[in-house]
Amino acid sequence: MYEYKFVQTHLGGIFREAKHRETIEQYAAQGWRFKQVLPVNYNQHGKPTDYEIIFERVIQ
């Protein structure tokens, strides 16, 4: 059986620095495995602005 963690982040842009690599490395060090990334918010032009990174790990 697995447990899941959902972490909202952004992948950068003109005024924001991307933090996805640091987030993935941080959770991997805690035993979480990267599963998937999904867009969760969009700007007025339909471009994704925020994402949810999904992690999983085996329940001990």
C-alpha atoms as a PDB file:
ATOM      1  CA  MET A   1       0.000   0.000   0.000  1.00  0.00           C
ATOM      2  CA  TYR A   2       1.190   3.524  -0.772  1.00  0.00           C
ATOM      3  CA  GLU A   3       0.717   6.945   0.741  1.00  0.00           C
ATOM      4  CA  TYR A   4       0.773  10.120  -1.339  1.00  0.00           C
ATOM      5  CA  LYS A   5       1.852  13.716  -0.790  1.00  0.00           C
ATOM      6  CA  PHE A   6       0.703  16.621  -2.959  1.00  0.00           C
ATOM      7  CA  VAL A   7       2.947  19.709  -3.074  1.00  0.00           C
ATOM      8  CA  GLN A   8       1.981  22.862  -4.951  1.00  0.00           C
ATOM      9  CA  THR A   9       4.813  24.727  -6.706  1.00  0.00           C
ATOM     10  CA  HIS A  10       5.576  26.814  -9.794  1.00  0.00           C
ATOM     11  CA  LEU A  11       7.992  26.127 -12.613  1.00  0.00           C
ATOM     12  CA  GLY A  12       9.268  29.673 -12.938  1.00  0.00           C
ATOM     13  CA  GLY A  13       8.558  32.532 -15.248  1.00  0.00           C
ATOM     14  CA  ILE A  14       9.549  36.136 -15.816  1.00  0.00           C
ATOM     15  CA  PHE A  15       9.250  37.196 -12.169  1.00  0.00           C
ATOM     16  CA  ARG A  16       9.476  33.852 -10.370  1.00  0.00           C
ATOM     17  CA  GLU A  17      12.310  31.389  -9.983  1.00  0.00           C
ATOM     18  CA  ALA A  18      11.588  27.699 -10.565  1.00  0.00           C
ATOM     19  CA  LYS A  19      11.691  25.598  -7.376  1.00  0.00           C
ATOM     20  CA  HIS A  20      10.670  22.164  -8.698  1.00  0.00           C
ATOM     21  CA  ARG A  21      14.133  20.587  -8.598  1.00  0.00           C
ATOM     22  CA  GLU A  22      14.738  21.615  -4.999  1.00  0.00           C
ATOM     23  CA  THR A  23      11.278  20.354  -4.027  1.00  0.00           C
ATOM     24  CA  ILE A  24      11.823  16.951  -5.680  1.00  0.00           C
ATOM     25  CA  GLU A  25      15.275  16.560  -4.092  1.00  0.00           C
ATOM     26  CA  GLN A  26      13.940  17.557  -0.658  1.00  0.00           C
ATOM     27  CA  TYR A  27      11.145  14.978  -0.701  1.00  0.00           C
ATOM     28  CA  ALA A  28      13.351  12.275  -2.256  1.00  0.00           C
ATOM     29  CA  ALA A  29      15.732  12.658   0.697  1.00  0.00           C
ATOM     30  CA  GLN A  30      12.749  11.886   2.965  1.00  0.00           C
ATOM     31  CA  GLY A  31      11.978   8.657   1.111  1.00  0.00           C
ATOM     32  CA  TRP A  32       9.299   9.997  -1.246  1.00  0.00           C
ATOM     33  CA  ARG A  33       9.335   8.992  -4.923  1.00  0.00           C
ATOM     34  CA  PHE A  34       8.322  11.467  -7.632  1.00  0.00           C
ATOM     35  CA  LYS A  35       5.137  10.190  -9.274  1.00  0.00           C
ATOM     36  CA  GLN A  36       3.639  12.921 -11.470  1.00  0.00           C
ATOM     37  CA  VAL A  37       3.199  16.667 -11.983  1.00  0.00           C
ATOM     38  CA  LEU A  38      -0.136  18.283 -12.860  1.00  0.00           C
ATOM     39  CA  PRO A  39      -1.014  21.896 -13.721  1.00  0.00           C
ATOM     40  CA  VAL A  40      -3.506  23.347 -11.215  1.00  0.00           C
ATOM     41  CA  ASN A  41      -3.762  27.071 -12.072  1.00  0.00           C
ATOM     42  CA  TYR A  42      -3.730  28.859 -15.417  1.00  0.00           C
ATOM     43  CA  ASN A  43      -3.260  32.473 -16.508  1.00  0.00           C
ATOM     44  CA  GLN A  44      -5.755  34.369 -18.683  1.00  0.00           C
ATOM     45  CA  HIS A  45      -4.106  32.914 -21.810  1.00  0.00           C
ATOM     46  CA  GLY A  46      -4.513  29.285 -20.734  1.00  0.00           C
ATOM     47  CA  LYS A  47      -0.857  28.771 -19.818  1.00  0.00           C
ATOM     48  CA  PRO A  48      -0.250  26.810 -16.581  1.00  0.00           C
ATOM     49  CA  THR A  49       1.182  28.972 -13.787  1.00  0.00           C
ATOM     50  CA  ASP A  50       1.176  26.611 -10.804  1.00  0.00           C
ATOM     51  CA  TYR A  51       1.652  22.888 -10.560  1.00  0.00           C
ATOM     52  CA  GLU A  52       1.071  20.097  -8.076  1.00  0.00           C
ATOM     53  CA  ILE A  53       3.911  17.616  -7.687  1.00  0.00           C
ATOM     54  CA  ILE A  54       2.718  14.196  -6.548  1.00  0.00           C
ATOM     55  CA  PHE A  55       4.994  11.939  -4.497  1.00  0.00           C
ATOM     56  CA  GLU A  56       4.445   8.411  -3.229  1.00  0.00           C
ATOM     57  CA  ARG A  57       6.078   6.025  -0.793  1.00  0.00           C
ATOM     58  CA  VAL A  58       5.341   2.622   0.617  1.00  0.00           C
ATOM     59  CA  ILE A  59       3.500   2.709   3.931  1.00  0.00           C
ATOM     60  CA  GLN A  60       5.786   1.115   6.511  1.00  0.00           C
END
